[in-house]
N, C-alpha and C. Protein backbone atom coordinates (compact mmCIF):
# COMPACT_ATOMS: atom_id res chain seq x y z
N MET A 1 -53.59 -24.10 68.22
CA MET A 1 -53.32 -23.51 66.91
C MET A 1 -54.53 -22.68 66.47
N LYS A 2 -54.22 -21.67 65.69
CA LYS A 2 -55.24 -20.81 65.13
C LYS A 2 -55.11 -20.81 63.62
N LEU A 3 -56.18 -20.41 62.93
CA LEU A 3 -56.19 -20.31 61.47
C LEU A 3 -56.57 -18.90 61.06
N ILE A 4 -55.99 -18.45 59.95
CA ILE A 4 -56.37 -17.19 59.33
C ILE A 4 -56.33 -17.39 57.82
N VAL A 5 -57.23 -16.72 57.11
CA VAL A 5 -57.25 -16.78 55.65
C VAL A 5 -56.87 -15.39 55.12
N LEU A 6 -55.82 -15.36 54.30
CA LEU A 6 -55.42 -14.12 53.65
C LEU A 6 -55.72 -14.25 52.16
N ASN A 7 -56.40 -13.27 51.59
CA ASN A 7 -56.69 -13.27 50.16
C ASN A 7 -55.80 -12.26 49.47
N LEU A 8 -55.01 -12.75 48.52
CA LEU A 8 -54.11 -11.88 47.76
C LEU A 8 -54.67 -11.70 46.36
N GLN A 9 -54.77 -10.45 45.94
CA GLN A 9 -55.28 -10.16 44.61
C GLN A 9 -54.14 -10.03 43.63
N HIS A 10 -54.42 -10.34 42.39
CA HIS A 10 -53.41 -10.31 41.33
C HIS A 10 -53.50 -9.00 40.57
N SER A 11 -52.34 -8.45 40.25
CA SER A 11 -52.25 -7.27 39.39
C SER A 11 -51.45 -7.67 38.16
N ASP A 12 -51.91 -7.27 36.98
CA ASP A 12 -51.20 -7.63 35.75
C ASP A 12 -49.76 -7.12 35.75
N SER A 13 -49.52 -5.99 36.36
CA SER A 13 -48.18 -5.42 36.34
C SER A 13 -47.31 -5.89 37.51
N GLU A 14 -47.92 -6.21 38.64
CA GLU A 14 -47.15 -6.53 39.85
C GLU A 14 -47.26 -7.99 40.28
N GLY A 15 -48.17 -8.75 39.73
CA GLY A 15 -48.40 -10.11 40.21
C GLY A 15 -49.21 -10.08 41.49
N PHE A 16 -49.01 -11.06 42.36
CA PHE A 16 -49.72 -11.10 43.63
C PHE A 16 -48.99 -10.24 44.65
N ASP A 17 -49.75 -9.41 45.35
CA ASP A 17 -49.18 -8.55 46.39
C ASP A 17 -49.04 -9.37 47.67
N SER A 18 -47.81 -9.68 48.05
CA SER A 18 -47.57 -10.52 49.22
C SER A 18 -47.42 -9.71 50.50
N THR A 19 -47.68 -8.41 50.47
CA THR A 19 -47.50 -7.56 51.65
C THR A 19 -48.28 -8.06 52.86
N PRO A 20 -49.59 -8.38 52.74
CA PRO A 20 -50.30 -8.87 53.93
C PRO A 20 -49.70 -10.15 54.49
N LEU A 21 -49.26 -11.04 53.61
CA LEU A 21 -48.63 -12.29 54.05
C LEU A 21 -47.31 -12.01 54.76
N ASP A 22 -46.48 -11.16 54.17
CA ASP A 22 -45.18 -10.83 54.76
C ASP A 22 -45.36 -10.19 56.14
N GLU A 23 -46.31 -9.26 56.25
CA GLU A 23 -46.53 -8.58 57.52
C GLU A 23 -47.02 -9.56 58.59
N PHE A 24 -47.92 -10.45 58.22
CA PHE A 24 -48.44 -11.43 59.18
C PHE A 24 -47.32 -12.36 59.65
N CYS A 25 -46.51 -12.82 58.73
CA CYS A 25 -45.45 -13.78 59.06
C CYS A 25 -44.36 -13.15 59.93
N GLN A 26 -44.19 -11.85 59.88
CA GLN A 26 -43.19 -11.19 60.70
C GLN A 26 -43.62 -11.10 62.16
N THR A 27 -44.89 -11.22 62.42
CA THR A 27 -45.37 -11.06 63.80
C THR A 27 -46.06 -12.30 64.35
N HIS A 28 -46.10 -13.39 63.59
CA HIS A 28 -46.75 -14.61 64.05
C HIS A 28 -45.88 -15.82 63.78
N ASP A 29 -46.05 -16.83 64.58
CA ASP A 29 -45.29 -18.08 64.45
C ASP A 29 -46.10 -19.03 63.56
N VAL A 30 -45.85 -18.97 62.26
CA VAL A 30 -46.60 -19.76 61.29
C VAL A 30 -46.08 -21.20 61.31
N LYS A 31 -47.00 -22.14 61.49
CA LYS A 31 -46.64 -23.56 61.57
C LYS A 31 -46.90 -24.30 60.26
N GLY A 32 -47.78 -23.78 59.43
CA GLY A 32 -48.08 -24.43 58.16
C GLY A 32 -49.04 -23.58 57.35
N TRP A 33 -49.18 -23.93 56.08
CA TRP A 33 -50.09 -23.18 55.23
C TRP A 33 -50.53 -24.04 54.05
N VAL A 34 -51.65 -23.64 53.50
CA VAL A 34 -52.20 -24.23 52.28
C VAL A 34 -52.64 -23.06 51.42
N ASN A 35 -52.40 -23.12 50.11
CA ASN A 35 -52.88 -22.04 49.27
C ASN A 35 -53.84 -22.58 48.21
N HIS A 36 -54.76 -21.73 47.82
CA HIS A 36 -55.76 -22.08 46.82
C HIS A 36 -55.86 -20.95 45.81
N PHE A 37 -55.62 -21.27 44.55
CA PHE A 37 -55.75 -20.29 43.48
C PHE A 37 -57.17 -20.38 42.94
N TYR A 38 -57.80 -19.22 42.70
CA TYR A 38 -59.14 -19.20 42.13
C TYR A 38 -59.34 -17.89 41.38
N ILE A 39 -60.41 -17.84 40.61
CA ILE A 39 -60.74 -16.62 39.87
C ILE A 39 -62.10 -16.15 40.35
N SER A 40 -62.18 -14.87 40.70
CA SER A 40 -63.42 -14.27 41.17
C SER A 40 -63.65 -12.99 40.40
N GLY A 41 -64.78 -12.90 39.74
CA GLY A 41 -65.08 -11.71 38.94
C GLY A 41 -64.07 -11.48 37.84
N GLY A 42 -63.52 -12.56 37.31
CA GLY A 42 -62.53 -12.47 36.25
C GLY A 42 -61.13 -12.12 36.72
N GLN A 43 -60.92 -11.93 38.01
CA GLN A 43 -59.62 -11.58 38.56
C GLN A 43 -59.00 -12.76 39.29
N PRO A 44 -57.73 -13.08 39.01
CA PRO A 44 -57.05 -14.14 39.75
C PRO A 44 -56.90 -13.76 41.22
N GLN A 45 -57.11 -14.72 42.08
CA GLN A 45 -57.00 -14.54 43.52
C GLN A 45 -56.19 -15.70 44.10
N LEU A 46 -55.54 -15.45 45.21
CA LEU A 46 -54.82 -16.50 45.90
C LEU A 46 -55.22 -16.43 47.37
N ALA A 47 -55.88 -17.47 47.85
CA ALA A 47 -56.25 -17.56 49.26
C ALA A 47 -55.20 -18.41 49.95
N ILE A 48 -54.66 -17.89 51.03
CA ILE A 48 -53.66 -18.62 51.79
C ILE A 48 -54.21 -18.83 53.19
N ILE A 49 -54.32 -20.09 53.58
CA ILE A 49 -54.80 -20.44 54.91
C ILE A 49 -53.57 -20.76 55.75
N LEU A 50 -53.36 -19.95 56.78
CA LEU A 50 -52.19 -20.10 57.64
C LEU A 50 -52.59 -20.70 58.98
N GLU A 51 -51.81 -21.67 59.42
CA GLU A 51 -51.96 -22.22 60.76
C GLU A 51 -50.84 -21.60 61.60
N TYR A 52 -51.21 -20.98 62.72
CA TYR A 52 -50.20 -20.26 63.49
C TYR A 52 -50.48 -20.35 64.99
N GLN A 53 -49.45 -20.01 65.75
CA GLN A 53 -49.60 -19.87 67.19
C GLN A 53 -49.66 -18.39 67.53
N GLN A 54 -49.73 -18.09 68.81
CA GLN A 54 -49.78 -16.70 69.23
C GLN A 54 -48.68 -15.89 68.58
N SER A 55 -48.88 -14.58 68.56
CA SER A 55 -47.88 -13.72 67.95
C SER A 55 -46.55 -13.82 68.69
N ILE A 56 -45.48 -13.60 67.96
CA ILE A 56 -44.15 -13.68 68.55
C ILE A 56 -43.75 -12.30 69.04
N SER A 57 -42.91 -12.24 70.06
CA SER A 57 -42.55 -10.95 70.63
C SER A 57 -41.06 -10.66 70.54
N ASN A 58 -40.29 -11.57 69.96
CA ASN A 58 -38.84 -11.37 69.95
C ASN A 58 -38.33 -10.89 68.60
N GLY A 59 -39.01 -9.94 68.00
CA GLY A 59 -38.52 -9.33 66.76
C GLY A 59 -39.12 -9.95 65.53
N PRO A 60 -38.94 -9.29 64.38
CA PRO A 60 -39.52 -9.78 63.13
C PRO A 60 -38.88 -11.08 62.67
N ARG A 61 -39.67 -11.88 61.99
CA ARG A 61 -39.21 -13.14 61.41
C ARG A 61 -39.08 -12.95 59.90
N ALA A 62 -38.33 -13.81 59.26
CA ALA A 62 -38.27 -13.81 57.80
C ALA A 62 -39.62 -14.22 57.27
N SER A 63 -40.10 -13.57 56.23
CA SER A 63 -41.39 -13.92 55.65
C SER A 63 -41.28 -15.21 54.87
N LEU A 64 -42.42 -15.82 54.57
CA LEU A 64 -42.42 -17.04 53.77
C LEU A 64 -41.83 -16.78 52.40
N THR A 65 -42.18 -15.65 51.80
CA THR A 65 -41.66 -15.37 50.46
C THR A 65 -40.16 -15.07 50.51
N GLU A 66 -39.67 -14.41 51.56
CA GLU A 66 -38.24 -14.15 51.67
C GLU A 66 -37.47 -15.44 51.87
N SER A 67 -37.97 -16.33 52.72
CA SER A 67 -37.24 -17.56 52.98
C SER A 67 -37.18 -18.44 51.74
N ARG A 68 -38.22 -18.42 50.92
CA ARG A 68 -38.20 -19.20 49.69
C ARG A 68 -37.28 -18.59 48.65
N SER A 69 -37.23 -17.24 48.60
CA SER A 69 -36.46 -16.59 47.54
C SER A 69 -34.96 -16.63 47.79
N ARG A 70 -34.53 -17.00 48.98
CA ARG A 70 -33.10 -17.03 49.29
C ARG A 70 -32.36 -18.11 48.52
N GLN A 71 -33.04 -19.16 48.18
CA GLN A 71 -32.38 -20.27 47.51
C GLN A 71 -32.22 -19.96 46.02
N ASP A 72 -31.00 -20.07 45.52
CA ASP A 72 -30.72 -19.82 44.11
C ASP A 72 -30.75 -21.15 43.36
N HIS A 73 -31.90 -21.44 42.76
CA HIS A 73 -32.08 -22.72 42.08
C HIS A 73 -31.18 -22.84 40.86
N ARG A 74 -30.86 -21.73 40.22
CA ARG A 74 -30.02 -21.78 39.02
C ARG A 74 -28.61 -22.25 39.37
N SER A 75 -28.05 -21.75 40.45
CA SER A 75 -26.68 -22.13 40.80
C SER A 75 -26.58 -23.59 41.26
N ASN A 76 -27.72 -24.19 41.61
CA ASN A 76 -27.73 -25.60 42.01
C ASN A 76 -27.67 -26.54 40.80
N ARG A 77 -27.78 -26.00 39.60
CA ARG A 77 -27.74 -26.81 38.38
C ARG A 77 -26.31 -26.97 37.89
N ALA A 78 -26.04 -28.10 37.30
CA ALA A 78 -24.75 -28.28 36.64
C ALA A 78 -24.66 -27.27 35.50
N SER A 79 -23.46 -26.78 35.22
CA SER A 79 -23.30 -25.70 34.24
C SER A 79 -23.86 -26.06 32.87
N GLU A 80 -23.78 -27.32 32.47
CA GLU A 80 -24.31 -27.70 31.15
C GLU A 80 -25.84 -27.71 31.12
N ASN A 81 -26.49 -27.72 32.31
CA ASN A 81 -27.96 -27.72 32.36
C ASN A 81 -28.55 -26.32 32.52
N ARG A 82 -27.72 -25.33 32.79
CA ARG A 82 -28.24 -23.98 33.05
C ARG A 82 -28.93 -23.35 31.85
N PRO A 83 -28.45 -23.53 30.61
CA PRO A 83 -29.19 -22.94 29.48
C PRO A 83 -30.62 -23.49 29.37
N VAL A 84 -30.79 -24.77 29.58
CA VAL A 84 -32.13 -25.37 29.53
C VAL A 84 -32.97 -24.84 30.69
N PHE A 85 -32.37 -24.77 31.88
CA PHE A 85 -33.07 -24.23 33.04
C PHE A 85 -33.54 -22.80 32.77
N ASP A 86 -32.66 -21.96 32.20
CA ASP A 86 -33.01 -20.57 31.89
C ASP A 86 -34.15 -20.48 30.89
N ARG A 87 -34.11 -21.31 29.84
CA ARG A 87 -35.19 -21.30 28.84
C ARG A 87 -36.51 -21.73 29.46
N LEU A 88 -36.46 -22.77 30.29
CA LEU A 88 -37.69 -23.23 30.96
C LEU A 88 -38.24 -22.16 31.90
N ARG A 89 -37.36 -21.49 32.64
CA ARG A 89 -37.84 -20.46 33.55
C ARG A 89 -38.44 -19.29 32.78
N ASP A 90 -37.82 -18.88 31.65
CA ASP A 90 -38.38 -17.81 30.83
C ASP A 90 -39.75 -18.20 30.29
N TRP A 91 -39.86 -19.44 29.79
CA TRP A 91 -41.15 -19.90 29.26
C TRP A 91 -42.19 -19.93 30.37
N ARG A 92 -41.81 -20.40 31.56
CA ARG A 92 -42.74 -20.49 32.69
C ARG A 92 -43.25 -19.10 33.06
N SER A 93 -42.36 -18.10 33.09
CA SER A 93 -42.78 -16.74 33.42
C SER A 93 -43.77 -16.19 32.41
N LEU A 94 -43.47 -16.41 31.13
CA LEU A 94 -44.38 -15.95 30.08
C LEU A 94 -45.73 -16.63 30.19
N ARG A 95 -45.73 -17.93 30.36
CA ARG A 95 -46.98 -18.69 30.46
C ARG A 95 -47.79 -18.25 31.68
N ALA A 96 -47.12 -18.04 32.81
CA ALA A 96 -47.81 -17.60 34.02
C ALA A 96 -48.46 -16.23 33.82
N ARG A 97 -47.73 -15.31 33.17
CA ARG A 97 -48.32 -13.99 32.88
C ARG A 97 -49.52 -14.11 31.97
N GLN A 98 -49.41 -14.95 30.93
CA GLN A 98 -50.53 -15.12 30.00
C GLN A 98 -51.76 -15.70 30.70
N ASP A 99 -51.53 -16.63 31.62
CA ASP A 99 -52.63 -17.29 32.32
C ASP A 99 -53.08 -16.54 33.57
N GLY A 100 -52.31 -15.53 33.99
CA GLY A 100 -52.66 -14.77 35.18
C GLY A 100 -52.53 -15.58 36.46
N VAL A 101 -51.50 -16.43 36.51
CA VAL A 101 -51.29 -17.27 37.68
C VAL A 101 -49.86 -17.09 38.18
N PRO A 102 -49.59 -17.47 39.43
CA PRO A 102 -48.21 -17.44 39.90
C PRO A 102 -47.37 -18.46 39.14
N VAL A 103 -46.06 -18.19 39.03
CA VAL A 103 -45.19 -19.07 38.25
C VAL A 103 -45.18 -20.50 38.80
N TYR A 104 -45.30 -20.66 40.12
CA TYR A 104 -45.24 -22.02 40.67
C TYR A 104 -46.46 -22.86 40.32
N VAL A 105 -47.52 -22.22 39.81
CA VAL A 105 -48.68 -22.99 39.35
C VAL A 105 -48.34 -23.70 38.04
N VAL A 106 -47.50 -23.07 37.22
CA VAL A 106 -47.09 -23.69 35.95
C VAL A 106 -46.18 -24.88 36.23
N PHE A 107 -45.10 -24.67 36.96
CA PHE A 107 -44.28 -25.72 37.54
C PHE A 107 -43.27 -25.10 38.50
N THR A 108 -42.73 -25.92 39.38
CA THR A 108 -41.86 -25.45 40.45
C THR A 108 -40.39 -25.51 40.06
N ASN A 109 -39.55 -24.79 40.80
CA ASN A 109 -38.10 -24.87 40.61
C ASN A 109 -37.54 -26.16 41.18
N LEU A 110 -38.17 -26.68 42.20
CA LEU A 110 -37.60 -27.79 42.95
C LEU A 110 -37.72 -29.09 42.19
N ASN A 111 -36.62 -29.77 42.09
CA ASN A 111 -36.58 -31.11 41.49
C ASN A 111 -35.31 -31.81 41.91
N SER A 112 -35.14 -33.04 41.53
CA SER A 112 -33.96 -33.79 41.94
C SER A 112 -32.89 -33.85 40.85
N VAL A 113 -33.13 -33.17 39.74
CA VAL A 113 -32.16 -33.18 38.64
C VAL A 113 -31.14 -32.09 38.89
N SER A 114 -29.87 -32.41 38.70
CA SER A 114 -28.85 -31.38 38.83
C SER A 114 -28.08 -31.36 37.54
């Protein structure tokens, strides 16, 4: 196994640019990752440490961000819980923008409540 560290910088208008991560994941067999959020020079940063094997040669792979975004967490909720889910997601987005962090730092979509 090999390790690589990718540093993603935050933009107030665009959030974290996942392009380097997406490009790496399309050409490498990623086995695991750890991410660390930090602030450097007043700017939010996200360091992602990827554990991977040699590059793959049989075509592009789905990126980590694409594979995560395919799941529709809202449709997994019972219809009576969707208004609360929507309000929480709106609040989480606002809070994340105010704090300059990714939304999953505030809290995640994944839970066992339906």
